[in-house]
C-alpha atoms as a PDB file:
ATOM      1  CA  MET A   1     197.838  63.250 116.896  1.00  0.00           C
ATOM      2  CA  ALA A   2     195.018  61.386 115.176  1.00  0.00           C
ATOM      3  CA  GLU A   3     194.278  57.806 116.157  1.00  0.00           C
ATOM      4  CA  ALA A   4     196.591  55.243 114.603  1.00  0.00           C
ATOM      5  CA  TYR A   5     195.128  52.272 112.744  1.00  0.00           C
ATOM      6  CA  ILE A   6     197.672  49.507 112.287  1.00  0.00           C
ATOM      7  CA  ASP A   7     195.777  46.249 112.874  1.00  0.00           C
ATOM      8  CA  PRO A   8     192.035  45.581 112.451  1.00  0.00           C
ATOM      9  CA  SER A   9     189.821  46.220 115.449  1.00  0.00           C
ATOM     10  CA  ARG A  10     187.854  43.236 116.718  1.00  0.00           C
ATOM     11  CA  GLU A  11     184.604  44.957 115.701  1.00  0.00           C
ATOM     12  CA  ASN A  12     185.765  45.681 112.144  1.00  0.00           C
ATOM     13  CA  PHE A  13     187.176  42.178 111.706  1.00  0.00           C
ATOM     14  CA  GLU A  14     183.868  40.680 112.863  1.00  0.00           C
ATOM     15  CA  LYS A  15     182.081  42.741 110.173  1.00  0.00           C
ATOM     16  CA  PHE A  16     184.582  41.438 107.606  1.00  0.00           C
ATOM     17  CA  LYS A  17     184.004  37.831 108.703  1.00  0.00           C
ATOM     18  CA  ALA A  18     180.207  38.267 108.526  1.00  0.00           C
ATOM     19  CA  LEU A  19     180.388  39.052 104.790  1.00  0.00           C
ATOM     20  CA  PRO A  20     180.379  36.254 102.187  1.00  0.00           C
ATOM     21  CA  ARG A  21     183.610  34.240 102.219  1.00  0.00           C
ATOM     22  CA  ASN A  22     183.241  32.570  98.828  1.00  0.00           C
ATOM     23  CA  THR A  23     183.368  35.638  96.575  1.00  0.00           C
ATOM     24  CA  PRO A  24     186.425  37.403  95.131  1.00  0.00           C
ATOM     25  CA  ILE A  25     187.597  40.455  97.069  1.00  0.00           C
ATOM     26  CA  HIS A  26     189.866  43.426  96.501  1.00  0.00           C
ATOM     27  CA  MET A  27     191.551  45.068  99.462  1.00  0.00           C
ATOM     28  CA  LEU A  28     192.454  48.754  99.148  1.00  0.00           C
ATOM     29  CA  ASN A  29     195.605  49.459 101.175  1.00  0.00           C
ATOM     30  CA  LEU A  30     196.476  53.008 102.227  1.00  0.00           C
ATOM     31  CA  VAL A  31     199.637  53.132 104.327  1.00  0.00           C
ATOM     32  CA  ARG A  32     201.553  55.908 106.088  1.00  0.00           C
ATOM     33  CA  PHE A  33     204.978  54.979 107.434  1.00  0.00           C
ATOM     34  CA  ARG A  34     206.604  55.824 110.729  1.00  0.00           C
ATOM     35  CA  GLU A  35     209.756  57.890 110.384  1.00  0.00           C
ATOM     36  CA  GLN A  36     211.654  55.189 112.290  1.00  0.00           C
ATOM     37  CA  ALA A  37     210.537  51.567 112.407  1.00  0.00           C
ATOM     38  CA  ALA A  38     209.343  50.456 115.853  1.00  0.00           C
ATOM     39  CA  TYR A  39     210.272  46.796 116.209  1.00  0.00           C
ATOM     40  CA  PRO A  40     209.553  45.100 119.530  1.00  0.00           C
ATOM     41  CA  GLU A  41     212.432  44.864 121.968  1.00  0.00           C
ATOM     42  CA  GLY A  42     214.523  41.792 121.253  1.00  0.00           C
ATOM     43  CA  HIS A  43     213.628  41.592 117.552  1.00  0.00           C
ATOM     44  CA  PRO A  44     216.777  41.161 115.409  1.00  0.00           C
ATOM     45  CA  LEU A  45     216.012  44.432 113.561  1.00  0.00           C
ATOM     46  CA  ALA A  46     215.058  46.464 116.646  1.00  0.00           C
ATOM     47  CA  ASP A  47     218.387  48.288 116.887  1.00  0.00           C
ATOM     48  CA  LYS A  48     219.231  48.541 113.177  1.00  0.00           C
ATOM     49  CA  GLY A  49     217.822  52.055 112.690  1.00  0.00           C
ATOM     50  CA  LEU A  50     215.458  51.093 109.861  1.00  0.00           C
ATOM     51  CA  THR A  51     212.975  53.642 108.603  1.00  0.00           C
ATOM     52  CA  GLY A  52     209.308  52.757 108.366  1.00  0.00           C
ATOM     53  CA  ALA A  53     209.674  52.550 104.574  1.00  0.00           C
ATOM     54  CA  GLU A  54     212.574  50.088 104.910  1.00  0.00           C
ATOM     55  CA  ALA A  55     210.630  47.913 107.364  1.00  0.00           C
ATOM     56  CA  TYR A  56     207.637  47.921 105.005  1.00  0.00           C
ATOM     57  CA  ARG A  57     209.839  46.810 102.115  1.00  0.00           C
ATOM     58  CA  GLU A  58     211.017  43.941 104.332  1.00  0.00           C
ATOM     59  CA  TYR A  59     207.370  43.068 105.026  1.00  0.00           C
ATOM     60  CA  MET A  60     206.496  43.037 101.320  1.00  0.00           C
ATOM     61  CA  ARG A  61     209.562  40.900 100.573  1.00  0.00           C
ATOM     62  CA  THR A  62     208.910  38.330 103.299  1.00  0.00           C
ATOM     63  CA  ILE A  63     205.105  38.138 102.873  1.00  0.00           C
ATOM     64  CA  GLN A  64     205.349  36.897  99.266  1.00  0.00           C
ATOM     65  CA  PRO A  65     205.271  33.123  99.991  1.00  0.00           C
ATOM     66  CA  VAL A  66     202.259  33.593 102.300  1.00  0.00           C
ATOM     67  CA  LEU A  67     200.474  35.712  99.681  1.00  0.00           C
ATOM     68  CA  GLU A  68     201.177  33.141  96.977  1.00  0.00           C
ATOM     69  CA  ARG A  69     199.684  30.343  99.084  1.00  0.00           C
ATOM     70  CA  ALA A  70     196.579  32.515  99.641  1.00  0.00           C
ATOM     71  CA  GLY A  71     196.301  33.366  95.948  1.00  0.00           C
ATOM     72  CA  GLY A  72     196.764  37.073  96.716  1.00  0.00           C
ATOM     73  CA  HIS A  73     198.393  39.465  94.299  1.00  0.00           C
ATOM     74  CA  ILE A  74     198.619  43.196  93.668  1.00  0.00           C
ATOM     75  CA  VAL A  75     196.216  44.280  90.927  1.00  0.00           C
ATOM     76  CA  TRP A  76     197.025  47.976  91.132  1.00  0.00           C
ATOM     77  CA  ALA A  77     199.673  50.133  92.780  1.00  0.00           C
ATOM     78  CA  GLY A  78     200.361  53.780  92.216  1.00  0.00           C
ATOM     79  CA  GLY A  79     202.635  56.581  93.282  1.00  0.00           C
ATOM     80  CA  PHE A  80     200.937  59.841  94.214  1.00  0.00           C
ATOM     81  CA  GLU A  81     201.588  62.770  91.888  1.00  0.00           C
ATOM     82  CA  ALA A  82     199.017  65.531  92.491  1.00  0.00           C
ATOM     83  CA  MET A  83     195.622  66.095  94.102  1.00  0.00           C
ATOM     84  CA  VAL A  84     193.071  67.224  91.532  1.00  0.00           C
ATOM     85  CA  THR A  85     189.912  67.213  93.681  1.00  0.00           C
ATOM     86  CA  GLY A  86     190.253  67.120  97.439  1.00  0.00           C
ATOM     87  CA  PRO A  87     192.670  68.315 100.106  1.00  0.00           C
ATOM     88  CA  ALA A  88     196.027  69.531  98.839  1.00  0.00           C
ATOM     89  CA  GLU A  89     197.981  67.040 100.931  1.00  0.00           C
ATOM     90  CA  TRP A  90     198.044  63.295 100.329  1.00  0.00           C
ATOM     91  CA  GLU A  91     198.783  61.497 103.573  1.00  0.00           C
ATOM     92  CA  TRP A  92     199.659  58.025 102.261  1.00  0.00           C
ATOM     93  CA  ASP A  93     203.114  56.664 101.430  1.00  0.00           C
ATOM     94  CA  GLU A  94     201.831  53.462  99.785  1.00  0.00           C
ATOM     95  CA  THR A  95     198.587  52.946  97.879  1.00  0.00           C
ATOM     96  CA  PHE A  96     197.712  49.626  96.293  1.00  0.00           C
ATOM     97  CA  VAL A  97     194.950  47.071  95.781  1.00  0.00           C
ATOM     98  CA  MET A  98     195.408  43.382  96.594  1.00  0.00           C
ATOM     99  CA  ALA A  99     193.123  40.784  95.015  1.00  0.00           C
ATOM    100  CA  TYR A 100     192.211  37.498  96.675  1.00  0.00           C
ATOM    101  CA  PRO A 101     190.250  34.636  95.097  1.00  0.00           C
ATOM    102  CA  ASP A 102     187.799  34.933  97.980  1.00  0.00           C
ATOM    103  CA  ALA A 103     187.563  36.197 101.551  1.00  0.00           C
ATOM    104  CA  ALA A 104     188.325  32.712 102.867  1.00  0.00           C
ATOM    105  CA  SER A 105     191.738  32.966 101.170  1.00  0.00           C
ATOM    106  CA  PHE A 106     192.421  36.248 102.960  1.00  0.00           C
ATOM    107  CA  MET A 107     191.352  34.666 106.262  1.00  0.00           C
ATOM    108  CA  GLY A 108     193.635  31.718 105.555  1.00  0.00           C
ATOM    109  CA  MET A 109     196.521  34.101 104.939  1.00  0.00           C
ATOM    110  CA  VAL A 110     196.232  35.809 108.327  1.00  0.00           C
ATOM    111  CA  LYS A 111     195.968  32.397 110.017  1.00  0.00           C
ATOM    112  CA  ASP A 112     198.963  30.969 108.116  1.00  0.00           C
ATOM    113  CA  PRO A 113     201.691  30.093 110.675  1.00  0.00           C
ATOM    114  CA  ASP A 114     204.232  31.935 108.507  1.00  0.00           C
ATOM    115  CA  TYR A 115     202.197  35.181 108.689  1.00  0.00           C
ATOM    116  CA  ALA A 116     202.960  36.114 112.311  1.00  0.00           C
ATOM    117  CA  PRO A 117     206.756  36.303 111.864  1.00  0.00           C
ATOM    118  CA  VAL A 118     206.426  38.622 108.847  1.00  0.00           C
ATOM    119  CA  VAL A 119     203.551  40.870 109.965  1.00  0.00           C
ATOM    120  CA  VAL A 120     205.877  42.223 112.668  1.00  0.00           C
ATOM    121  CA  HIS A 121     207.636  44.172 109.869  1.00  0.00           C
ATOM    122  CA  ARG A 122     204.326  45.803 108.884  1.00  0.00           C
ATOM    123  CA  GLN A 123     203.524  46.638 112.500  1.00  0.00           C
ATOM    124  CA  ALA A 124     206.985  48.165 112.945  1.00  0.00           C
ATOM    125  CA  ALA A 125     206.677  50.172 109.730  1.00  0.00           C
ATOM    126  CA  VAL A 126     203.162  51.611 109.850  1.00  0.00           C
ATOM    127  CA  ALA A 127     202.146  54.828 111.581  1.00  0.00           C
ATOM    128  CA  THR A 128     198.550  54.436 110.403  1.00  0.00           C
ATOM    129  CA  SER A 129     196.717  52.696 107.606  1.00  0.00           C
ATOM    130  CA  ARG A 130     193.381  51.865 106.064  1.00  0.00           C
ATOM    131  CA  LEU A 131     192.478  48.419 104.749  1.00  0.00           C
ATOM    132  CA  VAL A 132     189.149  48.426 102.938  1.00  0.00           C
ATOM    133  CA  ARG A 133     187.348  45.412 101.474  1.00  0.00           C
ATOM    134  CA  PHE A 134     185.612  45.826  98.114  1.00  0.00           C
ATOM    135  CA  ALA A 135     183.692  43.486  95.859  1.00  0.00           C
ATOM    136  CA  PRO A 136     185.396  43.793  92.464  1.00  0.00           C
ATOM    137  CA  ARG A 137     183.283  44.669  89.454  1.00  0.00           C
ATOM    138  CA  GLU A 138     184.035  45.237  85.815  1.00  0.00           C
ATOM    139  CA  SER A 139     182.675  48.766  85.398  1.00  0.00           C
ATOM    140  CA  LEU A 140     180.925  51.623  87.138  1.00  0.00           C
ATOM    141  CA  THR A 141     177.622  50.496  85.652  1.00  0.00           C
ATOM    142  CA  ALA A 142     177.947  46.861  86.751  1.00  0.00           C
END
């Protein structure tokens, strides 16, 4: 099995923090779910038999107040239909782009005291993921 990426590595997060914090950012999210959610022992949902998709829906529902305080919002989300150029298989269950007013807002979100109790749903749901920071621009020629 390929390596799972659920949370940022220390090295990658340090690279993120070294970039400018006062410019708008877009975060590309590519997410593959576990078949069965893997909540930590003792969590109220640990023995409920949730799928990874169900746990991720719970994460997206409960993260909303934290996102709103950070100024984050989805600017694009799409459901896969067909590969035109590339490998025949698409390995992601969720694909979307979150916008933040600046990187400091994103940092504030992950440090928000209300973030830790909701990120457990994401950690339970995700088999592997990619979270990629981009500087938004208006066009391909900008």
